Amino acid sequence: VQLQASGGGLVQAGGSLRLSCATSGRIIGIKAMRWYRQAPGKEREWVASIIVNGSVNYADSVKGRFSISRDRAKKTVYLQMNTLEPEDTAVYYCNINTVYGGYWGQGTLVTVSS
């Protein structure tokens, strides 16, 4: 099983990016898919979740600006990020949590300039 995150880049404050996390291999027993981020010098923090029944949750810092979704057919989870702020600069990681354990992607860098 592999998770490939993409879509990061450099954007000005107020701009948008869409991150993708494509999965390969067979993943069974999925409970939730999440995005995390780690800013320079800080600990990794949870950003957003989508659980198997479709319910979504967001960290307060991104609520109203970010949107998580999934495409079952493409085996991909997305993070639409709007109204980006310099404080959103971080490496973003996707995570899939299953009843058997979790999987992590390699991370994609998002840099927001002021």
C-alpha atoms as a PDB file:
ATOM      1  CA  VAL A   1       0.000   0.000   0.000  1.00  0.00           C
ATOM      2  CA  GLN A   2       1.294   3.435  -0.938  1.00  0.00           C
ATOM      3  CA  LEU A   3      -0.086   6.928  -0.469  1.00  0.00           C
ATOM      4  CA  GLN A   4       1.128   9.584  -2.888  1.00  0.00           C
ATOM      5  CA  ALA A   5       0.446  13.166  -1.876  1.00  0.00           C
ATOM      6  CA  SER A   6       0.651  15.940  -4.453  1.00  0.00           C
ATOM      7  CA  GLY A   7      -0.588  19.424  -5.218  1.00  0.00           C
ATOM      8  CA  GLY A   8       1.588  21.491  -2.936  1.00  0.00           C
ATOM      9  CA  GLY A   9       3.425  24.574  -4.066  1.00  0.00           C
ATOM     10  CA  LEU A  10       3.971  28.271  -3.559  1.00  0.00           C
ATOM     11  CA  VAL A  11       0.915  30.504  -3.411  1.00  0.00           C
ATOM     12  CA  GLN A  12       0.184  34.042  -2.291  1.00  0.00           C
ATOM     13  CA  ALA A  13      -1.933  34.715   0.748  1.00  0.00           C
ATOM     14  CA  GLY A  14      -5.594  34.532  -0.165  1.00  0.00           C
ATOM     15  CA  GLY A  15      -4.967  31.957  -2.857  1.00  0.00           C
ATOM     16  CA  SER A  16      -6.070  28.358  -3.173  1.00  0.00           C
ATOM     17  CA  LEU A  17      -4.539  24.946  -3.647  1.00  0.00           C
ATOM     18  CA  ARG A  18      -5.956  21.467  -3.890  1.00  0.00           C
ATOM     19  CA  LEU A  19      -3.974  18.618  -2.438  1.00  0.00           C
ATOM     20  CA  SER A  20      -4.485  15.052  -3.587  1.00  0.00           C
ATOM     21  CA  CYS A  21      -3.600  11.791  -1.921  1.00  0.00           C
ATOM     22  CA  ALA A  22      -3.740   8.875  -4.311  1.00  0.00           C
ATOM     23  CA  THR A  23      -3.664   5.385  -2.884  1.00  0.00           C
ATOM     24  CA  SER A  24      -2.354   2.266  -4.523  1.00  0.00           C
ATOM     25  CA  GLY A  25      -2.772  -1.255  -3.395  1.00  0.00           C
ATOM     26  CA  ARG A  26      -5.712  -2.799  -1.645  1.00  0.00           C
ATOM     27  CA  ILE A  27      -6.721  -1.152   1.604  1.00  0.00           C
ATOM     28  CA  ILE A  28      -9.363  -2.887   3.673  1.00  0.00           C
ATOM     29  CA  GLY A  29     -11.080  -1.898   6.862  1.00  0.00           C
ATOM     30  CA  ILE A  30     -10.789   1.849   6.325  1.00  0.00           C
ATOM     31  CA  LYS A  31     -12.096   3.857   9.269  1.00  0.00           C
ATOM     32  CA  ALA A  32     -11.012   7.374   8.332  1.00  0.00           C
ATOM     33  CA  MET A  33      -8.845   9.434   6.055  1.00  0.00           C
ATOM     34  CA  ARG A  34      -7.077  12.459   7.440  1.00  0.00           C
ATOM     35  CA  TRP A  35      -4.788  15.286   6.529  1.00  0.00           C
ATOM     36  CA  TYR A  36      -2.115  16.493   8.907  1.00  0.00           C
ATOM     37  CA  ARG A  37       0.466  19.223   8.582  1.00  0.00           C
ATOM     38  CA  GLN A  38       3.785  20.065  10.123  1.00  0.00           C
ATOM     39  CA  ALA A  39       5.100  23.602  10.068  1.00  0.00           C
ATOM     40  CA  PRO A  40       8.820  24.326  10.495  1.00  0.00           C
ATOM     41  CA  GLY A  41       9.838  23.908  14.108  1.00  0.00           C
ATOM     42  CA  LYS A  42       6.406  22.675  15.163  1.00  0.00           C
ATOM     43  CA  GLU A  43       4.793  19.348  15.872  1.00  0.00           C
ATOM     44  CA  ARG A  44       2.584  17.624  13.352  1.00  0.00           C
ATOM     45  CA  GLU A  45      -1.037  18.646  13.775  1.00  0.00           C
ATOM     46  CA  TRP A  46      -4.312  17.251  12.548  1.00  0.00           C
ATOM     47  CA  VAL A  47      -6.086  19.329   9.899  1.00  0.00           C
ATOM     48  CA  ALA A  48      -9.144  17.455   8.622  1.00  0.00           C
ATOM     49  CA  SER A  49     -10.837  14.074   8.644  1.00  0.00           C
ATOM     50  CA  ILE A  50     -13.386  12.219   6.591  1.00  0.00           C
ATOM     51  CA  ILE A  51     -14.696   9.022   8.082  1.00  0.00           C
ATOM     52  CA  VAL A  52     -16.141   6.045   6.300  1.00  0.00           C
ATOM     53  CA  ASN A  53     -19.735   7.263   6.564  1.00  0.00           C
ATOM     54  CA  GLY A  54     -18.783  10.552   4.926  1.00  0.00           C
ATOM     55  CA  SER A  55     -18.777  12.754   8.015  1.00  0.00           C
ATOM     56  CA  VAL A  56     -16.104  15.423   8.010  1.00  0.00           C
ATOM     57  CA  ASN A  57     -14.324  17.353  10.730  1.00  0.00           C
ATOM     58  CA  TYR A  58     -11.847  20.197  10.694  1.00  0.00           C
ATOM     59  CA  ALA A  59      -9.375  21.842  12.990  1.00  0.00           C
ATOM     60  CA  ASP A  60     -10.627  25.224  14.158  1.00  0.00           C
ATOM     61  CA  SER A  61      -7.747  26.946  12.387  1.00  0.00           C
ATOM     62  CA  VAL A  62      -8.952  25.789   8.950  1.00  0.00           C
ATOM     63  CA  LYS A  63     -12.710  25.538   9.456  1.00  0.00           C
ATOM     64  CA  GLY A  64     -14.568  27.415   6.746  1.00  0.00           C
ATOM     65  CA  ARG A  65     -11.498  27.594   4.502  1.00  0.00           C
ATOM     66  CA  PHE A  66     -10.517  23.960   3.878  1.00  0.00           C
ATOM     67  CA  SER A  67     -12.637  21.109   2.571  1.00  0.00           C
ATOM     68  CA  ILE A  68     -11.827  17.403   2.614  1.00  0.00           C
ATOM     69  CA  SER A  69     -13.390  14.959   0.174  1.00  0.00           C
ATOM     70  CA  ARG A  70     -12.791  11.576  -1.377  1.00  0.00           C
ATOM     71  CA  ASP A  71     -13.295   9.924  -4.730  1.00  0.00           C
ATOM     72  CA  ARG A  72     -13.857   6.237  -4.132  1.00  0.00           C
ATOM     73  CA  ALA A  73     -13.455   5.287  -7.782  1.00  0.00           C
ATOM     74  CA  LYS A  74     -10.106   7.072  -8.018  1.00  0.00           C
ATOM     75  CA  LYS A  75      -9.055   5.922  -4.540  1.00  0.00           C
ATOM     76  CA  THR A  76      -8.046   9.474  -3.817  1.00  0.00           C
ATOM     77  CA  VAL A  77      -8.666  11.878  -0.976  1.00  0.00           C
ATOM     78  CA  TYR A  78      -8.496  15.619  -1.535  1.00  0.00           C
ATOM     79  CA  LEU A  79      -7.954  18.722   0.545  1.00  0.00           C
ATOM     80  CA  GLN A  80      -9.255  21.909  -1.038  1.00  0.00           C
ATOM     81  CA  MET A  81      -7.577  24.862   0.633  1.00  0.00           C
ATOM     82  CA  ASN A  82      -8.991  28.330   0.103  1.00  0.00           C
ATOM     83  CA  THR A  83      -8.136  31.743   1.520  1.00  0.00           C
ATOM     84  CA  LEU A  84      -4.686  30.494   2.406  1.00  0.00           C
ATOM     85  CA  GLU A  85      -2.702  32.313   5.063  1.00  0.00           C
ATOM     86  CA  PRO A  86       1.046  32.382   5.742  1.00  0.00           C
ATOM     87  CA  GLU A  87       0.296  30.370   8.890  1.00  0.00           C
ATOM     88  CA  ASP A  88      -0.834  27.513   6.639  1.00  0.00           C
ATOM     89  CA  THR A  89       2.732  27.026   5.427  1.00  0.00           C
ATOM     90  CA  ALA A  90       3.691  23.447   6.233  1.00  0.00           C
ATOM     91  CA  VAL A  91       4.324  20.008   4.858  1.00  0.00           C
ATOM     92  CA  TYR A  92       0.952  18.335   4.472  1.00  0.00           C
ATOM     93  CA  TYR A  93       0.588  14.595   5.023  1.00  0.00           C
ATOM     94  CA  CYS A  94      -2.278  12.277   4.257  1.00  0.00           C
ATOM     95  CA  ASN A  95      -3.120   9.407   6.542  1.00  0.00           C
ATOM     96  CA  ILE A  96      -5.463   6.469   6.215  1.00  0.00           C
ATOM     97  CA  ASN A  97      -6.550   4.763   9.399  1.00  0.00           C
ATOM     98  CA  THR A  98      -7.822   1.205   9.204  1.00  0.00           C
ATOM     99  CA  VAL A  99      -8.869  -1.403  11.705  1.00  0.00           C
ATOM    100  CA  TYR A 100      -5.479  -3.006  11.077  1.00  0.00           C
ATOM    101  CA  GLY A 101      -3.349   0.093  11.436  1.00  0.00           C
ATOM    102  CA  GLY A 102      -2.480   3.300   9.636  1.00  0.00           C
ATOM    103  CA  TYR A 103      -0.703   4.406   6.472  1.00  0.00           C
ATOM    104  CA  TRP A 104       1.098   7.688   5.775  1.00  0.00           C
ATOM    105  CA  GLY A 105       1.956   9.507   2.597  1.00  0.00           C
ATOM    106  CA  GLN A 106       5.301  11.195   2.041  1.00  0.00           C
ATOM    107  CA  GLY A 107       4.088  14.780   2.406  1.00  0.00           C
ATOM    108  CA  THR A 108       3.723  17.723   0.067  1.00  0.00           C
ATOM    109  CA  LEU A 109       5.021  21.197   0.843  1.00  0.00           C
ATOM    110  CA  VAL A 110       2.679  24.170   0.875  1.00  0.00           C
ATOM    111  CA  THR A 111       4.237  27.618   1.124  1.00  0.00           C
ATOM    112  CA  VAL A 112       2.024  30.679   1.479  1.00  0.00           C
ATOM    113  CA  SER A 113       3.693  34.037   0.947  1.00  0.00           C
ATOM    114  CA  SER A 114       2.399  37.230   2.515  1.00  0.00           C
END
